[in-house]
Amino acid sequence: MINGYDVLKKIYPNFDEELRTPNGLDLRLGKVYELSEDAPSYGIYKDKKFIPEHIELMPEDLPRNGKKGWKLQPQRPYILEVDRQIKISNDSMQLYHPRSSLLRSATNVFTAVGDAGYNGKLAFLFINFHSRPFIMEKGVPFVQLIDFDVRGASIAYDGDFQEEEDES
């Protein structure tokens, strides 16, 4: 079952009201990373992952409003990180979908499943498929979180990207 507005309000009480949608929560952009091209190879093996180093890009003044953000170049992969830590309960799982304004702008966010028990800052692959740069303001909602109940026995995520609980 998809957890709606009232359930999500209890699970995530610290989310601002404007981030609540009828069937999910909007997640805001916190940081942007480029992928390093310095390593000789990248890959995933049964016992090890070799992922590119993430190089943080500092936000710049935006041309329209003077606020901070990023100009994301065409045909380049970026990693977009949400602005807060997400703790998924052991009896839930999450899916993430791009906001429709991204899709209507020929950009996309590629996501994965949020496993039960995951705790950390979510990060997604972003690609601008248009021929012109795409501007994203820091703090703009860019992905919608959809939370599902998991029925039956579940085990908590214990993978490489698990983080300690944020005390703030």
N, C-alpha and C. Protein backbone atom coordinates (compact mmCIF):
# COMPACT_ATOMS: atom_id res chain seq x y z
N MET A 1 0.83 -1.17 0.00
CA MET A 1 0.00 0.00 0.00
C MET A 1 0.89 1.25 0.00
N ILE A 2 0.49 2.24 -0.78
CA ILE A 2 1.20 3.52 -0.80
C ILE A 2 0.79 4.32 0.43
N ASN A 3 1.77 4.85 1.14
CA ASN A 3 1.48 5.69 2.30
C ASN A 3 1.21 7.11 1.83
N GLY A 4 0.02 7.61 2.15
CA GLY A 4 -0.41 8.92 1.69
C GLY A 4 -0.08 10.04 2.66
N TYR A 5 -0.70 11.16 2.41
CA TYR A 5 -0.42 12.42 3.11
C TYR A 5 -0.39 12.27 4.63
N ASP A 6 -1.46 11.71 5.22
CA ASP A 6 -1.55 11.63 6.68
C ASP A 6 -0.47 10.73 7.29
N VAL A 7 -0.22 9.59 6.65
CA VAL A 7 0.81 8.67 7.15
C VAL A 7 2.19 9.30 7.03
N LEU A 8 2.47 9.93 5.88
CA LEU A 8 3.78 10.56 5.69
C LEU A 8 4.00 11.73 6.64
N LYS A 9 2.94 12.41 7.01
CA LYS A 9 3.06 13.52 7.97
C LYS A 9 3.53 12.99 9.32
N LYS A 10 3.09 11.78 9.69
CA LYS A 10 3.54 11.17 10.95
C LYS A 10 4.97 10.64 10.84
N ILE A 11 5.29 10.02 9.70
CA ILE A 11 6.61 9.43 9.51
C ILE A 11 7.68 10.52 9.39
N TYR A 12 7.36 11.60 8.65
CA TYR A 12 8.32 12.68 8.39
C TYR A 12 7.74 14.02 8.86
N PRO A 13 7.67 14.24 10.17
CA PRO A 13 7.05 15.47 10.68
C PRO A 13 7.88 16.73 10.38
N ASN A 14 9.16 16.58 10.09
CA ASN A 14 10.01 17.75 9.87
C ASN A 14 9.98 18.28 8.44
N PHE A 15 9.18 17.68 7.57
CA PHE A 15 9.08 18.18 6.20
C PHE A 15 8.16 19.39 6.17
N ASP A 16 8.58 20.44 5.46
CA ASP A 16 7.75 21.63 5.30
C ASP A 16 6.47 21.27 4.57
N GLU A 17 5.41 21.99 4.88
CA GLU A 17 4.10 21.70 4.29
C GLU A 17 4.13 21.76 2.76
N GLU A 18 4.90 22.69 2.18
CA GLU A 18 4.92 22.81 0.71
C GLU A 18 5.59 21.62 0.03
N LEU A 19 6.27 20.77 0.80
CA LEU A 19 6.91 19.58 0.23
C LEU A 19 5.99 18.35 0.27
N ARG A 20 4.84 18.50 0.87
CA ARG A 20 3.89 17.38 0.97
C ARG A 20 2.99 17.37 -0.27
N THR A 21 2.85 16.19 -0.87
CA THR A 21 1.96 16.02 -2.01
C THR A 21 0.90 14.99 -1.60
N PRO A 22 -0.16 14.82 -2.38
CA PRO A 22 -1.19 13.85 -1.98
C PRO A 22 -0.66 12.44 -1.77
N ASN A 23 0.35 12.02 -2.55
CA ASN A 23 0.84 10.64 -2.48
C ASN A 23 2.33 10.53 -2.19
N GLY A 24 2.95 11.58 -1.72
CA GLY A 24 4.39 11.50 -1.48
C GLY A 24 4.95 12.77 -0.87
N LEU A 25 6.27 12.87 -0.96
CA LEU A 25 7.00 14.04 -0.47
C LEU A 25 7.96 14.50 -1.56
N ASP A 26 8.04 15.80 -1.76
CA ASP A 26 9.04 16.34 -2.66
C ASP A 26 10.37 16.43 -1.93
N LEU A 27 11.44 16.09 -2.62
CA LEU A 27 12.79 16.19 -2.07
C LEU A 27 13.51 17.34 -2.76
N ARG A 28 14.23 18.13 -1.96
CA ARG A 28 14.92 19.32 -2.49
C ARG A 28 16.38 19.04 -2.79
N LEU A 29 16.89 19.78 -3.75
CA LEU A 29 18.28 19.67 -4.18
C LEU A 29 19.21 20.31 -3.15
N GLY A 30 20.17 19.52 -2.68
CA GLY A 30 21.13 20.01 -1.70
C GLY A 30 22.51 20.23 -2.28
N LYS A 31 23.04 19.23 -3.00
CA LYS A 31 24.38 19.32 -3.57
C LYS A 31 24.40 18.70 -4.95
N VAL A 32 25.38 19.13 -5.74
CA VAL A 32 25.58 18.58 -7.08
C VAL A 32 27.04 18.14 -7.19
N TYR A 33 27.24 16.98 -7.80
CA TYR A 33 28.58 16.41 -7.98
C TYR A 33 28.82 16.07 -9.44
N GLU A 34 30.06 16.26 -9.86
CA GLU A 34 30.53 15.72 -11.14
C GLU A 34 31.19 14.39 -10.84
N LEU A 35 31.32 13.57 -11.85
CA LEU A 35 31.99 12.28 -11.69
C LEU A 35 33.42 12.39 -12.21
N SER A 36 34.37 11.99 -11.38
CA SER A 36 35.77 12.02 -11.78
C SER A 36 36.04 11.07 -12.93
N GLU A 37 36.93 11.46 -13.80
CA GLU A 37 37.35 10.59 -14.90
C GLU A 37 38.79 10.13 -14.72
N ASP A 38 39.33 10.26 -13.49
CA ASP A 38 40.74 9.98 -13.23
C ASP A 38 41.07 8.51 -13.03
N ALA A 39 40.15 7.72 -12.53
CA ALA A 39 40.44 6.31 -12.25
C ALA A 39 40.58 5.54 -13.57
N PRO A 40 41.40 4.51 -13.60
CA PRO A 40 41.60 3.74 -14.83
C PRO A 40 40.35 2.99 -15.29
N SER A 41 39.50 2.57 -14.35
CA SER A 41 38.28 1.89 -14.74
C SER A 41 37.27 1.93 -13.61
N TYR A 42 36.01 1.74 -13.96
CA TYR A 42 34.93 1.66 -12.99
C TYR A 42 34.18 0.38 -13.25
N GLY A 43 33.55 -0.14 -12.22
CA GLY A 43 32.77 -1.34 -12.43
C GLY A 43 32.23 -1.89 -11.14
N ILE A 44 31.37 -2.89 -11.30
CA ILE A 44 30.79 -3.57 -10.15
C ILE A 44 31.09 -5.05 -10.29
N TYR A 45 31.69 -5.59 -9.26
CA TYR A 45 32.01 -7.01 -9.20
C TYR A 45 31.19 -7.63 -8.07
N LYS A 46 31.19 -8.95 -7.98
CA LYS A 46 30.42 -9.61 -6.93
C LYS A 46 30.86 -9.17 -5.55
N ASP A 47 32.15 -8.92 -5.36
CA ASP A 47 32.66 -8.60 -4.04
C ASP A 47 33.14 -7.16 -3.87
N LYS A 48 33.02 -6.32 -4.89
CA LYS A 48 33.56 -4.96 -4.78
C LYS A 48 32.91 -4.04 -5.81
N LYS A 49 32.78 -2.76 -5.42
CA LYS A 49 32.28 -1.73 -6.33
C LYS A 49 33.39 -0.72 -6.57
N PHE A 50 33.58 -0.36 -7.81
CA PHE A 50 34.53 0.70 -8.17
C PHE A 50 33.71 1.81 -8.83
N ILE A 51 33.30 2.79 -8.03
CA ILE A 51 32.49 3.88 -8.57
C ILE A 51 33.36 5.13 -8.68
N PRO A 52 33.02 6.02 -9.63
CA PRO A 52 33.82 7.23 -9.79
C PRO A 52 33.76 8.10 -8.54
N GLU A 53 34.83 8.80 -8.28
CA GLU A 53 34.85 9.78 -7.20
C GLU A 53 33.83 10.87 -7.54
N HIS A 54 33.12 11.34 -6.53
CA HIS A 54 32.16 12.42 -6.71
C HIS A 54 32.84 13.73 -6.31
N ILE A 55 32.91 14.66 -7.24
CA ILE A 55 33.56 15.95 -7.00
C ILE A 55 32.46 17.01 -6.84
N GLU A 56 32.36 17.57 -5.65
CA GLU A 56 31.29 18.54 -5.38
C GLU A 56 31.50 19.82 -6.19
N LEU A 57 30.41 20.27 -6.81
CA LEU A 57 30.39 21.54 -7.52
C LEU A 57 29.78 22.59 -6.60
N MET A 58 30.43 23.72 -6.46
CA MET A 58 29.92 24.78 -5.62
C MET A 58 28.82 25.54 -6.38
N PRO A 59 27.73 25.89 -5.69
CA PRO A 59 26.68 26.66 -6.35
C PRO A 59 27.18 28.05 -6.71
N GLU A 60 26.63 28.59 -7.79
CA GLU A 60 27.00 29.92 -8.26
C GLU A 60 25.77 30.82 -8.23
N ASP A 61 25.99 32.13 -8.36
CA ASP A 61 24.87 33.06 -8.48
C ASP A 61 24.15 32.79 -9.79
N LEU A 62 22.84 32.69 -9.72
CA LEU A 62 22.04 32.41 -10.91
C LEU A 62 21.66 33.71 -11.62
N PRO A 63 21.56 33.65 -12.95
CA PRO A 63 21.30 34.87 -13.72
C PRO A 63 19.93 35.50 -13.48
N ARG A 64 18.90 34.73 -13.23
CA ARG A 64 17.55 35.30 -13.13
C ARG A 64 17.24 35.97 -11.81
N ASN A 65 17.71 35.36 -10.71
CA ASN A 65 17.27 35.87 -9.41
C ASN A 65 18.41 36.11 -8.42
N GLY A 66 19.64 35.86 -8.83
CA GLY A 66 20.78 36.08 -7.94
C GLY A 66 20.92 35.05 -6.84
N LYS A 67 20.01 34.06 -6.79
CA LYS A 67 20.14 32.99 -5.80
C LYS A 67 21.19 32.01 -6.26
N LYS A 68 21.53 31.06 -5.41
CA LYS A 68 22.57 30.09 -5.72
C LYS A 68 22.01 28.86 -6.43
N GLY A 69 22.81 28.29 -7.33
CA GLY A 69 22.41 27.09 -8.03
C GLY A 69 23.49 26.64 -8.99
N TRP A 70 23.11 25.76 -9.92
CA TRP A 70 24.07 25.15 -10.83
C TRP A 70 23.58 25.23 -12.26
N LYS A 71 24.51 25.37 -13.19
CA LYS A 71 24.22 25.30 -14.62
C LYS A 71 24.73 23.94 -15.07
N LEU A 72 23.81 23.04 -15.39
CA LEU A 72 24.15 21.65 -15.72
C LEU A 72 24.21 21.50 -17.23
N GLN A 73 25.36 21.11 -17.69
CA GLN A 73 25.67 21.08 -19.12
C GLN A 73 24.97 19.90 -19.82
N PRO A 74 24.71 20.07 -21.11
CA PRO A 74 24.07 19.00 -21.87
C PRO A 74 24.93 17.73 -21.94
N GLN A 75 24.25 16.60 -21.96
CA GLN A 75 24.88 15.29 -22.20
C GLN A 75 25.97 14.93 -21.20
N ARG A 76 25.90 15.46 -19.99
CA ARG A 76 26.88 15.14 -18.96
C ARG A 76 26.17 14.55 -17.75
N PRO A 77 26.74 13.51 -17.17
CA PRO A 77 26.12 12.96 -15.97
C PRO A 77 26.52 13.76 -14.73
N TYR A 78 25.57 13.94 -13.86
CA TYR A 78 25.80 14.57 -12.56
C TYR A 78 25.13 13.71 -11.50
N ILE A 79 25.59 13.84 -10.28
CA ILE A 79 24.93 13.22 -9.14
C ILE A 79 24.28 14.34 -8.35
N LEU A 80 22.96 14.24 -8.15
CA LEU A 80 22.22 15.22 -7.37
C LEU A 80 21.88 14.60 -6.02
N GLU A 81 22.23 15.30 -4.96
CA GLU A 81 21.99 14.81 -3.61
C GLU A 81 20.89 15.64 -2.95
N VAL A 82 20.01 14.99 -2.23
CA VAL A 82 18.94 15.71 -1.53
C VAL A 82 19.51 16.49 -0.35
N ASP A 83 18.73 17.44 0.13
CA ASP A 83 19.22 18.36 1.16
C ASP A 83 19.09 17.84 2.58
N ARG A 84 18.59 16.62 2.76
CA ARG A 84 18.41 16.10 4.11
C ARG A 84 18.57 14.58 4.12
N GLN A 85 18.83 14.07 5.29
CA GLN A 85 18.95 12.64 5.47
C GLN A 85 17.55 12.03 5.52
N ILE A 86 17.40 10.86 4.92
CA ILE A 86 16.14 10.13 4.92
C ILE A 86 16.35 8.82 5.67
N LYS A 87 15.47 8.55 6.62
CA LYS A 87 15.52 7.27 7.35
C LYS A 87 14.25 6.50 6.99
N ILE A 88 14.44 5.37 6.33
CA ILE A 88 13.32 4.52 5.92
C ILE A 88 13.11 3.46 7.00
N SER A 89 11.89 3.32 7.45
CA SER A 89 11.62 2.34 8.50
C SER A 89 11.84 0.93 7.97
N ASN A 90 11.93 -0.02 8.87
CA ASN A 90 12.16 -1.42 8.48
C ASN A 90 10.94 -2.08 7.86
N ASP A 91 9.79 -1.41 7.90
CA ASP A 91 8.60 -1.99 7.28
C ASP A 91 8.10 -1.14 6.11
N SER A 92 9.00 -0.35 5.53
CA SER A 92 8.67 0.47 4.35
C SER A 92 9.75 0.32 3.30
N MET A 93 9.41 0.71 2.08
CA MET A 93 10.38 0.87 1.00
C MET A 93 9.94 2.07 0.21
N GLN A 94 10.86 2.64 -0.57
CA GLN A 94 10.52 3.85 -1.31
C GLN A 94 10.93 3.75 -2.76
N LEU A 95 10.14 4.43 -3.60
CA LEU A 95 10.50 4.67 -4.99
C LEU A 95 10.58 6.18 -5.17
N TYR A 96 11.36 6.62 -6.13
CA TYR A 96 11.58 8.04 -6.37
C TYR A 96 11.36 8.32 -7.84
N HIS A 97 10.67 9.42 -8.12
CA HIS A 97 10.38 9.79 -9.50
C HIS A 97 10.71 11.26 -9.71
N PRO A 98 11.19 11.62 -10.90
CA PRO A 98 11.51 13.03 -11.16
C PRO A 98 10.23 13.86 -11.19
N ARG A 99 10.36 15.12 -10.82
CA ARG A 99 9.25 16.06 -10.99
C ARG A 99 8.99 16.20 -12.49
N SER A 100 7.72 16.37 -12.86
CA SER A 100 7.37 16.42 -14.27
C SER A 100 8.00 17.59 -15.01
N SER A 101 8.30 18.68 -14.30
CA SER A 101 8.95 19.82 -14.97
C SER A 101 10.34 19.45 -15.47
N LEU A 102 11.02 18.52 -14.82
CA LEU A 102 12.31 18.05 -15.34
C LEU A 102 12.12 17.31 -16.65
N LEU A 103 11.15 16.40 -16.67
CA LEU A 103 10.90 15.63 -17.88
C LEU A 103 10.47 16.54 -19.03
N ARG A 104 9.67 17.53 -18.75
CA ARG A 104 9.20 18.46 -19.78
C ARG A 104 10.32 19.37 -20.29
N SER A 105 11.44 19.35 -19.58
CA SER A 105 12.60 20.15 -19.99
C SER A 105 13.70 19.30 -20.61
N ALA A 106 13.38 18.06 -20.95
CA ALA A 106 14.33 17.12 -21.57
C ALA A 106 15.50 16.79 -20.64
N THR A 107 15.19 16.71 -19.36
CA THR A 107 16.17 16.26 -18.37
C THR A 107 15.55 15.10 -17.62
N ASN A 108 16.37 14.32 -16.93
CA ASN A 108 15.81 13.22 -16.16
C ASN A 108 16.70 12.91 -14.98
N VAL A 109 16.07 12.36 -13.95
CA VAL A 109 16.75 11.86 -12.77
C VAL A 109 16.54 10.35 -12.76
N PHE A 110 17.62 9.61 -12.68
CA PHE A 110 17.56 8.15 -12.65
C PHE A 110 17.72 7.71 -11.21
N THR A 111 16.79 6.88 -10.76
CA THR A 111 16.70 6.55 -9.34
C THR A 111 16.81 5.05 -9.11
N ALA A 112 16.86 4.67 -7.85
CA ALA A 112 16.87 3.27 -7.45
C ALA A 112 15.85 3.09 -6.34
N VAL A 113 15.69 1.89 -5.87
CA VAL A 113 14.77 1.58 -4.78
C VAL A 113 15.39 2.02 -3.46
N GLY A 114 14.59 2.62 -2.60
CA GLY A 114 15.00 2.91 -1.24
C GLY A 114 14.61 1.73 -0.37
N ASP A 115 15.60 0.96 0.04
CA ASP A 115 15.34 -0.27 0.80
C ASP A 115 14.93 0.01 2.24
N ALA A 116 14.15 -0.92 2.79
CA ALA A 116 13.77 -0.87 4.20
C ALA A 116 15.03 -0.75 5.05
N GLY A 117 15.00 0.16 6.02
CA GLY A 117 16.12 0.33 6.94
C GLY A 117 17.23 1.23 6.46
N TYR A 118 17.15 1.74 5.22
CA TYR A 118 18.20 2.65 4.72
C TYR A 118 18.15 3.95 5.51
N ASN A 119 19.32 4.51 5.76
CA ASN A 119 19.43 5.80 6.41
C ASN A 119 20.56 6.57 5.75
N GLY A 120 20.28 7.74 5.21
CA GLY A 120 21.32 8.55 4.62
C GLY A 120 20.77 9.59 3.67
N LYS A 121 21.67 10.29 3.02
CA LYS A 121 21.28 11.28 2.02
C LYS A 121 21.17 10.56 0.67
N LEU A 122 20.01 10.68 0.07
CA LEU A 122 19.77 10.04 -1.22
C LEU A 122 20.49 10.83 -2.31
N ALA A 123 21.00 10.10 -3.29
CA ALA A 123 21.68 10.73 -4.42
C ALA A 123 21.23 10.02 -5.69
N PHE A 124 21.01 10.81 -6.75
CA PHE A 124 20.46 10.29 -7.99
C PHE A 124 21.28 10.77 -9.18
N LEU A 125 21.28 9.99 -10.23
CA LEU A 125 21.94 10.36 -11.48
C LEU A 125 21.04 11.33 -12.24
N PHE A 126 21.63 12.40 -12.75
CA PHE A 126 20.90 13.41 -13.53
C PHE A 126 21.59 13.57 -14.88
N ILE A 127 20.80 13.62 -15.94
CA ILE A 127 21.34 13.91 -17.27
C ILE A 127 20.44 14.92 -17.95
N ASN A 128 21.08 15.93 -18.54
CA ASN A 128 20.39 16.95 -19.34
C ASN A 128 20.47 16.50 -20.79
N PHE A 129 19.34 16.10 -21.37
CA PHE A 129 19.31 15.61 -22.74
C PHE A 129 19.14 16.73 -23.77
N HIS A 130 18.91 17.94 -23.32
CA HIS A 130 18.72 19.08 -24.22
C HIS A 130 20.08 19.57 -24.73
N SER A 131 20.06 20.42 -25.73
CA SER A 131 21.31 20.96 -26.29
C SER A 131 21.80 22.20 -25.54
N ARG A 132 21.00 22.73 -24.62
CA ARG A 132 21.37 23.93 -23.86
C ARG A 132 21.56 23.58 -22.39
N PRO A 133 22.34 24.37 -21.65
CA PRO A 133 22.48 24.12 -20.21
C PRO A 133 21.14 24.23 -19.49
N PHE A 134 21.00 23.48 -18.43
CA PHE A 134 19.80 23.48 -17.60
C PHE A 134 20.18 24.02 -16.23
N ILE A 135 19.44 24.99 -15.75
CA ILE A 135 19.75 25.64 -14.47
C ILE A 135 18.86 25.07 -13.38
N MET A 136 19.48 24.73 -12.25
CA MET A 136 18.73 24.25 -11.08
C MET A 136 19.16 25.06 -9.87
N GLU A 137 18.18 25.67 -9.22
CA GLU A 137 18.43 26.46 -8.03
C GLU A 137 18.61 25.53 -6.83
N LYS A 138 19.52 25.88 -5.94
CA LYS A 138 19.71 25.12 -4.70
C LYS A 138 18.41 25.13 -3.91
N GLY A 139 18.00 23.97 -3.43
CA GLY A 139 16.78 23.86 -2.63
C GLY A 139 15.51 23.64 -3.41
N VAL A 140 15.59 23.56 -4.74
CA VAL A 140 14.39 23.35 -5.56
C VAL A 140 13.94 21.89 -5.44
N PRO A 141 12.62 21.64 -5.32
CA PRO A 141 12.15 20.26 -5.34
C PRO A 141 12.41 19.65 -6.72
N PHE A 142 13.01 18.44 -6.75
CA PHE A 142 13.35 17.83 -8.04
C PHE A 142 12.94 16.37 -8.14
N VAL A 143 12.67 15.73 -7.02
CA VAL A 143 12.27 14.32 -7.00
C VAL A 143 11.12 14.15 -6.01
N GLN A 144 10.20 13.25 -6.34
CA GLN A 144 9.12 12.93 -5.41
C GLN A 144 9.36 11.55 -4.82
N LEU A 145 9.29 11.47 -3.50
CA LEU A 145 9.44 10.23 -2.75
C LEU A 145 8.06 9.60 -2.61
N ILE A 146 7.96 8.30 -2.91
CA ILE A 146 6.73 7.54 -2.71
C ILE A 146 7.07 6.40 -1.76
N ASP A 147 6.35 6.33 -0.64
CA ASP A 147 6.64 5.39 0.43
C ASP A 147 5.58 4.29 0.44
N PHE A 148 6.04 3.03 0.51
CA PHE A 148 5.15 1.86 0.50
C PHE A 148 5.35 1.06 1.78
N ASP A 149 4.25 0.49 2.28
CA ASP A 149 4.36 -0.50 3.36
C ASP A 149 4.90 -1.80 2.77
N VAL A 150 5.75 -2.48 3.52
CA VAL A 150 6.26 -3.79 3.12
C VAL A 150 5.59 -4.82 4.04
N ARG A 151 4.92 -5.79 3.44
CA ARG A 151 4.24 -6.82 4.24
C ARG A 151 5.10 -8.07 4.28
N GLY A 152 5.04 -8.76 5.41
CA GLY A 152 5.83 -9.97 5.57
C GLY A 152 7.19 -9.62 6.16
N ALA A 153 8.00 -10.63 6.29
CA ALA A 153 9.32 -10.45 6.90
C ALA A 153 10.19 -9.57 6.01
N SER A 154 10.89 -8.66 6.62
CA SER A 154 11.85 -7.85 5.87
C SER A 154 13.12 -7.72 6.69
N ILE A 155 14.21 -7.52 6.00
CA ILE A 155 15.47 -7.26 6.68
C ILE A 155 15.89 -5.85 6.34
N ALA A 156 16.60 -5.22 7.24
CA ALA A 156 17.01 -3.84 7.04
C ALA A 156 18.23 -3.76 6.14
N TYR A 157 18.28 -2.71 5.34
CA TYR A 157 19.42 -2.43 4.47
C TYR A 157 20.69 -2.33 5.30
N ASP A 158 21.74 -2.97 4.81
CA ASP A 158 23.04 -2.91 5.48
C ASP A 158 24.14 -2.83 4.42
N GLY A 159 23.93 -1.97 3.44
CA GLY A 159 24.85 -1.89 2.31
C GLY A 159 25.91 -0.81 2.45
N ASP A 160 26.63 -0.60 1.36
CA ASP A 160 27.76 0.33 1.33
C ASP A 160 27.39 1.79 1.58
N PHE A 161 26.15 2.16 1.35
CA PHE A 161 25.78 3.57 1.42
C PHE A 161 25.00 3.93 2.68
N GLN A 162 24.94 3.00 3.64
CA GLN A 162 24.27 3.27 4.90
C GLN A 162 25.06 4.31 5.68
N GLU A 163 24.37 5.26 6.31
CA GLU A 163 25.00 6.31 7.09
C GLU A 163 24.50 6.24 8.52
N GLU A 164 25.24 6.87 9.43
CA GLU A 164 24.78 7.00 10.81
C GLU A 164 23.61 7.97 10.84
N GLU A 165 22.75 7.84 11.84
CA GLU A 165 21.61 8.73 11.93
C GLU A 165 22.08 10.15 12.21
N ASP A 166 21.52 11.10 11.47
CA ASP A 166 21.84 12.51 11.63
C ASP A 166 21.17 13.03 12.88
N GLU A 167 21.93 13.64 13.77
CA GLU A 167 21.39 14.13 15.03
C GLU A 167 20.69 15.47 14.89
N SER A 168 20.85 16.13 13.74
CA SER A 168 20.25 17.48 13.61
C SER A 168 18.80 17.44 13.26
